[in-house]
Amino acid sequence: MKNKLEVIAWSKKDALLIEEAGADRIELVVDLKNGGTTPSVKLTKEVCNVVKIPVRVMIRDTYDSFIYSEKVMKNHLSFIKEISKLNVEGIVFGSLTKENKINFDDLEKVIKNKGKMKLTFHRAFDELSEKDAIESFKKLSDYDVDCLLTSGTKINAKKGVKIIKKLVNLNTSINILAGKSISINNAKYIINKSKVNYIHVGLSIREDGTINSDISIEKIKEILKEINND
C-alpha cells in the first residue's frame, strides 16, 4: 500500500504548490503559530476551487484551549454548514471537556451538521492520558470519524510511535494520521515503527522551516520518495 502525505496550507499559493509537488491531501488552516485555527469561508472556497486533491478544513476558532464555550460551538457549527456547500472533502475538529476527556456531545453536534464531509479528529486527542487515549479511541470508532491526527499523546510523533502503533493495531474503521514534528529525517522511521500509512507535515516542508517561508516542492517530493522507497 502506498504511504500518503497530508500537508498544511494557509493560503491559495500554498495549496497549489502542495498539489504540484504530489502530496495526497491538504489541511487548510490559518494562524499556524498558535497551532492552526479556522480559515475564512472565502479562503476555503478559493483553495477548493483551484486544487483537485482533497482539502480538509480546520474547525477551531480559539487557540488557547480545546474546551469550547456554547458561543464558540455555535460559530463552529455555522461555519461547518457554510463550507458544506463548497467542494470541501472534510473537516478537522476536536473538543475536550473540563475533565480533559473527549467532548462527545460537541462531536455529535459537529457530525450532525457536517453533511457528507469526512471528519478528522485532531490533536486535542493528545491532551489525554495514555490510558484514556486508548479507551477514547475505541469509543471514537462508534462515531462518524474517519481519521485521527495524533502524536500518540507525546510531544511529537517520534516519541509517540508506540502508542500510535497500539491505535493502529486496534484495527478500527478510523485511519491513523501521524503528525507533529515529522520531517524527511524521521518520516520513514515513524511509518516503519508505528505501521501508519498516512503522515502529516507542516513547517518541515517549508523552504527554511519557518512560518514565513514558502512551501518547498523539492522537500515534499523528497519526503514522498522517502516514505515510499522500500
C-alpha atoms as a PDB file:
ATOM      1  CA  MET A   1       0.000   0.000   0.000  1.00  0.00           C
ATOM      2  CA  LYS A   2       1.285   3.455  -0.885  1.00  0.00           C
ATOM      3  CA  ASN A   3       2.063   5.662   2.092  1.00  0.00           C
ATOM      4  CA  LYS A   4       0.353   9.035   1.887  1.00  0.00           C
ATOM      5  CA  LEU A   5       1.159  12.593   2.841  1.00  0.00           C
ATOM      6  CA  GLU A   6      -1.050  15.395   4.172  1.00  0.00           C
ATOM      7  CA  VAL A   7       0.458  18.895   4.144  1.00  0.00           C
ATOM      8  CA  ILE A   8      -0.669  22.022   5.993  1.00  0.00           C
ATOM      9  CA  ALA A   9      -1.568  25.038   3.850  1.00  0.00           C
ATOM     10  CA  TRP A  10      -2.607  28.534   4.901  1.00  0.00           C
ATOM     11  CA  SER A  11      -3.019  30.192   1.504  1.00  0.00           C
ATOM     12  CA  LYS A  12      -4.085  29.503  -2.058  1.00  0.00           C
ATOM     13  CA  LYS A  13      -0.435  29.686  -3.100  1.00  0.00           C
ATOM     14  CA  ASP A  14       0.464  27.008  -0.549  1.00  0.00           C
ATOM     15  CA  ALA A  15      -2.311  24.750  -1.796  1.00  0.00           C
ATOM     16  CA  LEU A  16      -1.216  24.997  -5.422  1.00  0.00           C
ATOM     17  CA  LEU A  17       2.406  24.211  -4.545  1.00  0.00           C
ATOM     18  CA  ILE A  18       1.381  21.272  -2.354  1.00  0.00           C
ATOM     19  CA  GLU A  19      -0.687  19.797  -5.173  1.00  0.00           C
ATOM     20  CA  GLU A  20       2.063  20.388  -7.731  1.00  0.00           C
ATOM     21  CA  ALA A  21       4.538  18.549  -5.511  1.00  0.00           C
ATOM     22  CA  GLY A  22       2.344  15.438  -5.457  1.00  0.00           C
ATOM     23  CA  ALA A  23       1.037  15.400  -1.896  1.00  0.00           C
ATOM     24  CA  ASP A  24      -2.162  13.456  -1.270  1.00  0.00           C
ATOM     25  CA  ARG A  25      -4.180  15.878   0.845  1.00  0.00           C
ATOM     26  CA  ILE A  26      -4.220  19.415   2.224  1.00  0.00           C
ATOM     27  CA  GLU A  27      -5.129  20.553   5.716  1.00  0.00           C
ATOM     28  CA  LEU A  28      -6.231  24.178   5.466  1.00  0.00           C
ATOM     29  CA  VAL A  29      -5.624  26.408   8.487  1.00  0.00           C
ATOM     30  CA  VAL A  30      -4.647  29.956   9.439  1.00  0.00           C
ATOM     31  CA  ASP A  31      -2.534  31.213  12.344  1.00  0.00           C
ATOM     32  CA  LEU A  32      -0.249  28.194  12.494  1.00  0.00           C
ATOM     33  CA  LYS A  33       1.964  29.870  15.114  1.00  0.00           C
ATOM     34  CA  ASN A  34      -0.914  29.262  17.520  1.00  0.00           C
ATOM     35  CA  GLY A  35      -1.481  25.699  16.400  1.00  0.00           C
ATOM     36  CA  GLY A  36      -3.788  26.398  13.471  1.00  0.00           C
ATOM     37  CA  THR A  37      -7.244  27.931  13.558  1.00  0.00           C
ATOM     38  CA  THR A  38     -10.307  28.168  11.315  1.00  0.00           C
ATOM     39  CA  PRO A  39      -9.743  29.793   7.898  1.00  0.00           C
ATOM     40  CA  SER A  40     -12.318  32.112   6.361  1.00  0.00           C
ATOM     41  CA  VAL A  41     -15.100  30.837   4.127  1.00  0.00           C
ATOM     42  CA  LYS A  42     -13.547  32.960   1.351  1.00  0.00           C
ATOM     43  CA  LEU A  43     -10.126  31.302   1.637  1.00  0.00           C
ATOM     44  CA  THR A  44     -11.724  27.871   1.886  1.00  0.00           C
ATOM     45  CA  LYS A  45     -13.674  28.477  -1.298  1.00  0.00           C
ATOM     46  CA  GLU A  46     -10.629  29.832  -3.137  1.00  0.00           C
ATOM     47  CA  VAL A  47      -8.480  26.835  -2.225  1.00  0.00           C
ATOM     48  CA  CYS A  48     -11.124  24.238  -3.017  1.00  0.00           C
ATOM     49  CA  ASN A  49     -11.733  25.870  -6.394  1.00  0.00           C
ATOM     50  CA  VAL A  50      -8.101  25.696  -7.527  1.00  0.00           C
ATOM     51  CA  VAL A  51      -6.918  22.239  -6.415  1.00  0.00           C
ATOM     52  CA  LYS A  52      -8.111  18.754  -7.276  1.00  0.00           C
ATOM     53  CA  ILE A  53      -6.639  16.902  -4.289  1.00  0.00           C
ATOM     54  CA  PRO A  54      -8.770  16.582  -1.135  1.00  0.00           C
ATOM     55  CA  VAL A  55      -8.896  19.514   1.288  1.00  0.00           C
ATOM     56  CA  ARG A  56      -9.685  19.174   4.982  1.00  0.00           C
ATOM     57  CA  VAL A  57     -10.513  22.379   6.838  1.00  0.00           C
ATOM     58  CA  MET A  58      -9.596  23.161  10.449  1.00  0.00           C
ATOM     59  CA  ILE A  59     -12.538  23.919  12.765  1.00  0.00           C
ATOM     60  CA  ARG A  60     -11.030  25.730  15.734  1.00  0.00           C
ATOM     61  CA  ASP A  61     -11.948  29.325  16.498  1.00  0.00           C
ATOM     62  CA  THR A  62      -9.815  29.593  19.632  1.00  0.00           C
ATOM     63  CA  TYR A  63      -6.182  28.617  20.046  1.00  0.00           C
ATOM     64  CA  ASP A  64      -5.763  28.663  23.820  1.00  0.00           C
ATOM     65  CA  SER A  65      -7.920  25.657  24.648  1.00  0.00           C
ATOM     66  CA  PHE A  66      -9.815  22.706  23.225  1.00  0.00           C
ATOM     67  CA  ILE A  67     -12.674  23.404  25.655  1.00  0.00           C
ATOM     68  CA  TYR A  68     -15.271  25.346  23.700  1.00  0.00           C
ATOM     69  CA  SER A  69     -17.990  27.621  25.039  1.00  0.00           C
ATOM     70  CA  GLU A  70     -21.535  27.453  23.725  1.00  0.00           C
ATOM     71  CA  LYS A  71     -20.842  30.610  21.707  1.00  0.00           C
ATOM     72  CA  VAL A  72     -17.716  29.173  20.096  1.00  0.00           C
ATOM     73  CA  MET A  73     -19.503  25.942  19.238  1.00  0.00           C
ATOM     74  CA  LYS A  74     -22.303  27.954  17.661  1.00  0.00           C
ATOM     75  CA  ASN A  75     -19.685  29.662  15.467  1.00  0.00           C
ATOM     76  CA  HIS A  76     -18.151  26.310  14.604  1.00  0.00           C
ATOM     77  CA  LEU A  77     -21.470  24.832  13.528  1.00  0.00           C
ATOM     78  CA  SER A  78     -22.387  27.884  11.478  1.00  0.00           C
ATOM     79  CA  PHE A  79     -19.053  27.711   9.639  1.00  0.00           C
ATOM     80  CA  ILE A  80     -19.422  23.969   9.050  1.00  0.00           C
ATOM     81  CA  LYS A  81     -22.858  24.441   7.488  1.00  0.00           C
ATOM     82  CA  GLU A  82     -21.443  27.183   5.263  1.00  0.00           C
ATOM     83  CA  ILE A  83     -18.485  25.199   3.918  1.00  0.00           C
ATOM     84  CA  SER A  84     -20.569  22.041   3.491  1.00  0.00           C
ATOM     85  CA  LYS A  85     -21.910  23.795   0.378  1.00  0.00           C
ATOM     86  CA  LEU A  86     -18.393  24.004  -1.068  1.00  0.00           C
ATOM     87  CA  ASN A  87     -16.084  21.389  -2.560  1.00  0.00           C
ATOM     88  CA  VAL A  88     -14.604  20.503   0.837  1.00  0.00           C
ATOM     89  CA  GLU A  89     -13.593  16.869   1.333  1.00  0.00           C
ATOM     90  CA  GLY A  90     -13.544  17.000   5.111  1.00  0.00           C
ATOM     91  CA  ILE A  91     -13.172  18.917   8.345  1.00  0.00           C
ATOM     92  CA  VAL A  92     -10.684  18.704  11.216  1.00  0.00           C
ATOM     93  CA  PHE A  93     -12.178  19.033  14.689  1.00  0.00           C
ATOM     94  CA  GLY A  94     -11.560  18.060  18.296  1.00  0.00           C
ATOM     95  CA  SER A  95     -13.133  19.104  21.586  1.00  0.00           C
ATOM     96  CA  LEU A  96     -12.449  18.311  25.231  1.00  0.00           C
ATOM     97  CA  THR A  97     -14.406  18.573  28.489  1.00  0.00           C
ATOM     98  CA  LYS A  98     -13.197  20.401  31.585  1.00  0.00           C
ATOM     99  CA  GLU A  99     -12.215  16.975  32.905  1.00  0.00           C
ATOM    100  CA  ASN A 100      -9.814  16.595  29.964  1.00  0.00           C
ATOM    101  CA  LYS A 101     -11.878  13.910  28.230  1.00  0.00           C
ATOM    102  CA  ILE A 102     -13.173  13.902  24.654  1.00  0.00           C
ATOM    103  CA  ASN A 103     -16.332  16.008  24.466  1.00  0.00           C
ATOM    104  CA  PHE A 104     -18.597  13.604  22.642  1.00  0.00           C
ATOM    105  CA  ASP A 105     -21.558  15.987  22.939  1.00  0.00           C
ATOM    106  CA  ASP A 106     -19.709  18.577  20.847  1.00  0.00           C
ATOM    107  CA  LEU A 107     -18.595  15.857  18.456  1.00  0.00           C
ATOM    108  CA  GLU A 108     -22.173  14.701  17.919  1.00  0.00           C
ATOM    109  CA  LYS A 109     -23.242  18.262  17.085  1.00  0.00           C
ATOM    110  CA  VAL A 110     -20.479  18.569  14.503  1.00  0.00           C
ATOM    111  CA  ILE A 111     -21.333  15.222  12.943  1.00  0.00           C
ATOM    112  CA  LYS A 112     -24.992  16.191  12.740  1.00  0.00           C
ATOM    113  CA  ASN A 113     -24.110  19.347  10.798  1.00  0.00           C
ATOM    114  CA  LYS A 114     -21.219  18.244   8.568  1.00  0.00           C
ATOM    115  CA  GLY A 115     -23.286  16.676   5.809  1.00  0.00           C
ATOM    116  CA  LYS A 116     -21.214  14.448   3.518  1.00  0.00           C
ATOM    117  CA  MET A 117     -17.883  15.880   4.617  1.00  0.00           C
ATOM    118  CA  LYS A 118     -15.458  13.482   6.281  1.00  0.00           C
ATOM    119  CA  LEU A 119     -14.091  14.150   9.758  1.00  0.00           C
ATOM    120  CA  THR A 120     -10.578  14.079  11.207  1.00  0.00           C
ATOM    121  CA  PHE A 121     -10.415  14.241  14.997  1.00  0.00           C
ATOM    122  CA  HIS A 122      -7.343  16.380  15.597  1.00  0.00           C
ATOM    123  CA  ARG A 123      -4.577  16.551  18.190  1.00  0.00           C
ATOM    124  CA  ALA A 124      -6.853  17.591  21.024  1.00  0.00           C
ATOM    125  CA  PHE A 125      -6.679  13.805  21.400  1.00  0.00           C
ATOM    126  CA  ASP A 126      -3.047  14.135  22.510  1.00  0.00           C
ATOM    127  CA  GLU A 127      -4.089  16.064  25.620  1.00  0.00           C
ATOM    128  CA  LEU A 128      -5.496  12.802  27.007  1.00  0.00           C
ATOM    129  CA  SER A 129      -3.570  10.444  29.238  1.00  0.00           C
ATOM    130  CA  GLU A 130      -2.196   7.331  27.568  1.00  0.00           C
ATOM    131  CA  LYS A 131      -4.798   5.164  29.293  1.00  0.00           C
ATOM    132  CA  ASP A 132      -7.693   7.467  28.393  1.00  0.00           C
ATOM    133  CA  ALA A 133      -6.424   7.744  24.823  1.00  0.00           C
ATOM    134  CA  ILE A 134      -6.782   4.028  24.108  1.00  0.00           C
ATOM    135  CA  GLU A 135     -10.289   3.784  25.566  1.00  0.00           C
ATOM    136  CA  SER A 136     -11.428   7.035  23.970  1.00  0.00           C
ATOM    137  CA  PHE A 137     -10.155   5.916  20.587  1.00  0.00           C
ATOM    138  CA  LYS A 138     -12.266   2.776  20.837  1.00  0.00           C
ATOM    139  CA  LYS A 139     -15.309   4.931  21.557  1.00  0.00           C
ATOM    140  CA  LEU A 140     -14.464   7.300  18.672  1.00  0.00           C
ATOM    141  CA  SER A 141     -14.835   4.370  16.289  1.00  0.00           C
ATOM    142  CA  ASP A 142     -18.563   4.323  17.098  1.00  0.00           C
ATOM    143  CA  TYR A 143     -18.894   7.785  15.572  1.00  0.00           C
ATOM    144  CA  ASP A 144     -18.707   9.076  12.012  1.00  0.00           C
ATOM    145  CA  VAL A 145     -14.993   9.836  12.321  1.00  0.00           C
ATOM    146  CA  ASP A 146     -12.768   8.510   9.563  1.00  0.00           C
ATOM    147  CA  CYS A 147      -9.371   9.810  10.668  1.00  0.00           C
ATOM    148  CA  LEU A 148      -7.407  10.620  13.831  1.00  0.00           C
ATOM    149  CA  LEU A 149      -4.462  13.048  13.742  1.00  0.00           C
ATOM    150  CA  THR A 150      -2.182  12.164  16.631  1.00  0.00           C
ATOM    151  CA  SER A 151       1.339  12.213  18.019  1.00  0.00           C
ATOM    152  CA  GLY A 152       0.480   9.293  20.271  1.00  0.00           C
ATOM    153  CA  THR A 153      -0.180  11.585  23.283  1.00  0.00           C
ATOM    154  CA  LYS A 154       3.502  12.597  23.283  1.00  0.00           C
ATOM    155  CA  ILE A 155       5.285  15.855  22.441  1.00  0.00           C
ATOM    156  CA  ASN A 156       5.965  14.613  18.911  1.00  0.00           C
ATOM    157  CA  ALA A 157       5.146  11.638  16.704  1.00  0.00           C
ATOM    158  CA  LYS A 158       8.596  10.059  17.042  1.00  0.00           C
ATOM    159  CA  LYS A 159       8.222   9.848  20.821  1.00  0.00           C
ATOM    160  CA  GLY A 160       4.652   8.597  20.420  1.00  0.00           C
ATOM    161  CA  VAL A 161       5.283   5.740  17.966  1.00  0.00           C
ATOM    162  CA  LYS A 162       4.484   3.006  20.489  1.00  0.00           C
ATOM    163  CA  ILE A 163       1.070   4.479  21.297  1.00  0.00           C
ATOM    164  CA  ILE A 164       0.376   5.195  17.635  1.00  0.00           C
ATOM    165  CA  LYS A 165       1.140   1.558  16.850  1.00  0.00           C
ATOM    166  CA  LYS A 166      -1.275   0.440  19.600  1.00  0.00           C
ATOM    167  CA  LEU A 167      -4.001   2.542  17.991  1.00  0.00           C
ATOM    168  CA  VAL A 168      -3.241   1.123  14.546  1.00  0.00           C
ATOM    169  CA  ASN A 169      -3.324  -2.433  15.928  1.00  0.00           C
ATOM    170  CA  LEU A 170      -6.831  -1.899  17.289  1.00  0.00           C
ATOM    171  CA  ASN A 171      -7.835  -2.099  13.615  1.00  0.00           C
ATOM    172  CA  THR A 172     -10.892   0.127  13.803  1.00  0.00           C
ATOM    173  CA  SER A 173     -12.533   1.929  10.886  1.00  0.00           C
ATOM    174  CA  ILE A 174     -10.543   5.064  11.760  1.00  0.00           C
ATOM    175  CA  ASN A 175      -7.392   5.785   9.763  1.00  0.00           C
ATOM    176  CA  ILE A 176      -4.464   6.942  11.919  1.00  0.00           C
ATOM    177  CA  LEU A 177      -2.669  10.049  10.673  1.00  0.00           C
ATOM    178  CA  ALA A 178       0.645  10.546  12.469  1.00  0.00           C
ATOM    179  CA  GLY A 179       1.625  14.163  12.970  1.00  0.00           C
ATOM    180  CA  LYS A 180       3.827  16.615  14.891  1.00  0.00           C
ATOM    181  CA  SER A 181       7.480  17.319  14.086  1.00  0.00           C
ATOM    182  CA  ILE A 182       7.655  14.848  11.204  1.00  0.00           C
ATOM    183  CA  SER A 183      10.375  15.545   8.649  1.00  0.00           C
ATOM    184  CA  ILE A 184      12.448  13.878   5.949  1.00  0.00           C
ATOM    185  CA  ASN A 185      14.760  12.700   8.735  1.00  0.00           C
ATOM    186  CA  ASN A 186      12.223  10.699  10.728  1.00  0.00           C
ATOM    187  CA  ALA A 187       9.224  10.054   8.457  1.00  0.00           C
ATOM    188  CA  LYS A 188      10.262   6.557   7.352  1.00  0.00           C
ATOM    189  CA  TYR A 189      11.182   5.591  10.930  1.00  0.00           C
ATOM    190  CA  ILE A 190       7.749   6.676  12.193  1.00  0.00           C
ATOM    191  CA  ILE A 191       5.958   4.765   9.438  1.00  0.00           C
ATOM    192  CA  ASN A 192       8.032   1.611   9.993  1.00  0.00           C
ATOM    193  CA  LYS A 193       7.679   1.661  13.779  1.00  0.00           C
ATOM    194  CA  SER A 194       4.035   2.695  14.079  1.00  0.00           C
ATOM    195  CA  LYS A 195       2.663   0.989  10.930  1.00  0.00           C
ATOM    196  CA  VAL A 196       0.674   4.081   9.906  1.00  0.00           C
ATOM    197  CA  ASN A 197       0.350   4.743   6.188  1.00  0.00           C
ATOM    198  CA  TYR A 198      -0.565   8.426   6.407  1.00  0.00           C
ATOM    199  CA  ILE A 199       1.611  11.215   7.807  1.00  0.00           C
ATOM    200  CA  HIS A 200       1.002  14.926   8.372  1.00  0.00           C
ATOM    201  CA  VAL A 201       3.637  17.648   7.927  1.00  0.00           C
ATOM    202  CA  GLY A 202       3.828  21.409   8.290  1.00  0.00           C
ATOM    203  CA  LEU A 203       6.921  23.539   8.811  1.00  0.00           C
ATOM    204  CA  SER A 204       9.394  20.808   7.833  1.00  0.00           C
ATOM    205  CA  ILE A 205       8.477  21.119   4.137  1.00  0.00           C
ATOM    206  CA  ARG A 206       8.870  24.917   4.028  1.00  0.00           C
ATOM    207  CA  GLU A 207      11.961  26.440   2.421  1.00  0.00           C
ATOM    208  CA  ASP A 208      13.731  27.300   5.686  1.00  0.00           C
ATOM    209  CA  GLY A 209      11.412  25.540   8.115  1.00  0.00           C
ATOM    210  CA  THR A 210       9.629  28.664   9.309  1.00  0.00           C
ATOM    211  CA  ILE A 211       6.119  30.057   9.050  1.00  0.00           C
ATOM    212  CA  ASN A 212       7.298  32.953   6.909  1.00  0.00           C
ATOM    213  CA  SER A 213       8.911  30.811   4.215  1.00  0.00           C
ATOM    214  CA  ASP A 214       7.280  29.262   1.154  1.00  0.00           C
ATOM    215  CA  ILE A 215       6.304  25.659   0.575  1.00  0.00           C
ATOM    216  CA  SER A 216       9.207  23.697  -0.916  1.00  0.00           C
ATOM    217  CA  ILE A 217       8.134  21.434  -3.762  1.00  0.00           C
ATOM    218  CA  GLU A 218      11.506  19.707  -3.545  1.00  0.00           C
ATOM    219  CA  LYS A 219      11.103  18.892   0.150  1.00  0.00           C
ATOM    220  CA  ILE A 220       7.637  17.441  -0.402  1.00  0.00           C
ATOM    221  CA  LYS A 221       8.935  15.288  -3.250  1.00  0.00           C
ATOM    222  CA  GLU A 222      11.834  14.143  -1.066  1.00  0.00           C
ATOM    223  CA  ILE A 223       9.600  13.068   1.803  1.00  0.00           C
ATOM    224  CA  LEU A 224       7.198  11.290  -0.568  1.00  0.00           C
ATOM    225  CA  LYS A 225      10.126   9.405  -2.091  1.00  0.00           C
ATOM    226  CA  GLU A 226      11.464   8.546   1.361  1.00  0.00           C
ATOM    227  CA  ILE A 227       8.198   7.132   2.734  1.00  0.00           C
ATOM    228  CA  ASN A 228       7.530   5.061  -0.381  1.00  0.00           C
ATOM    229  CA  ASN A 229      11.032   3.765  -1.006  1.00  0.00           C
ATOM    230  CA  ASP A 230      11.266   0.169   0.136  1.00  0.00           C
END
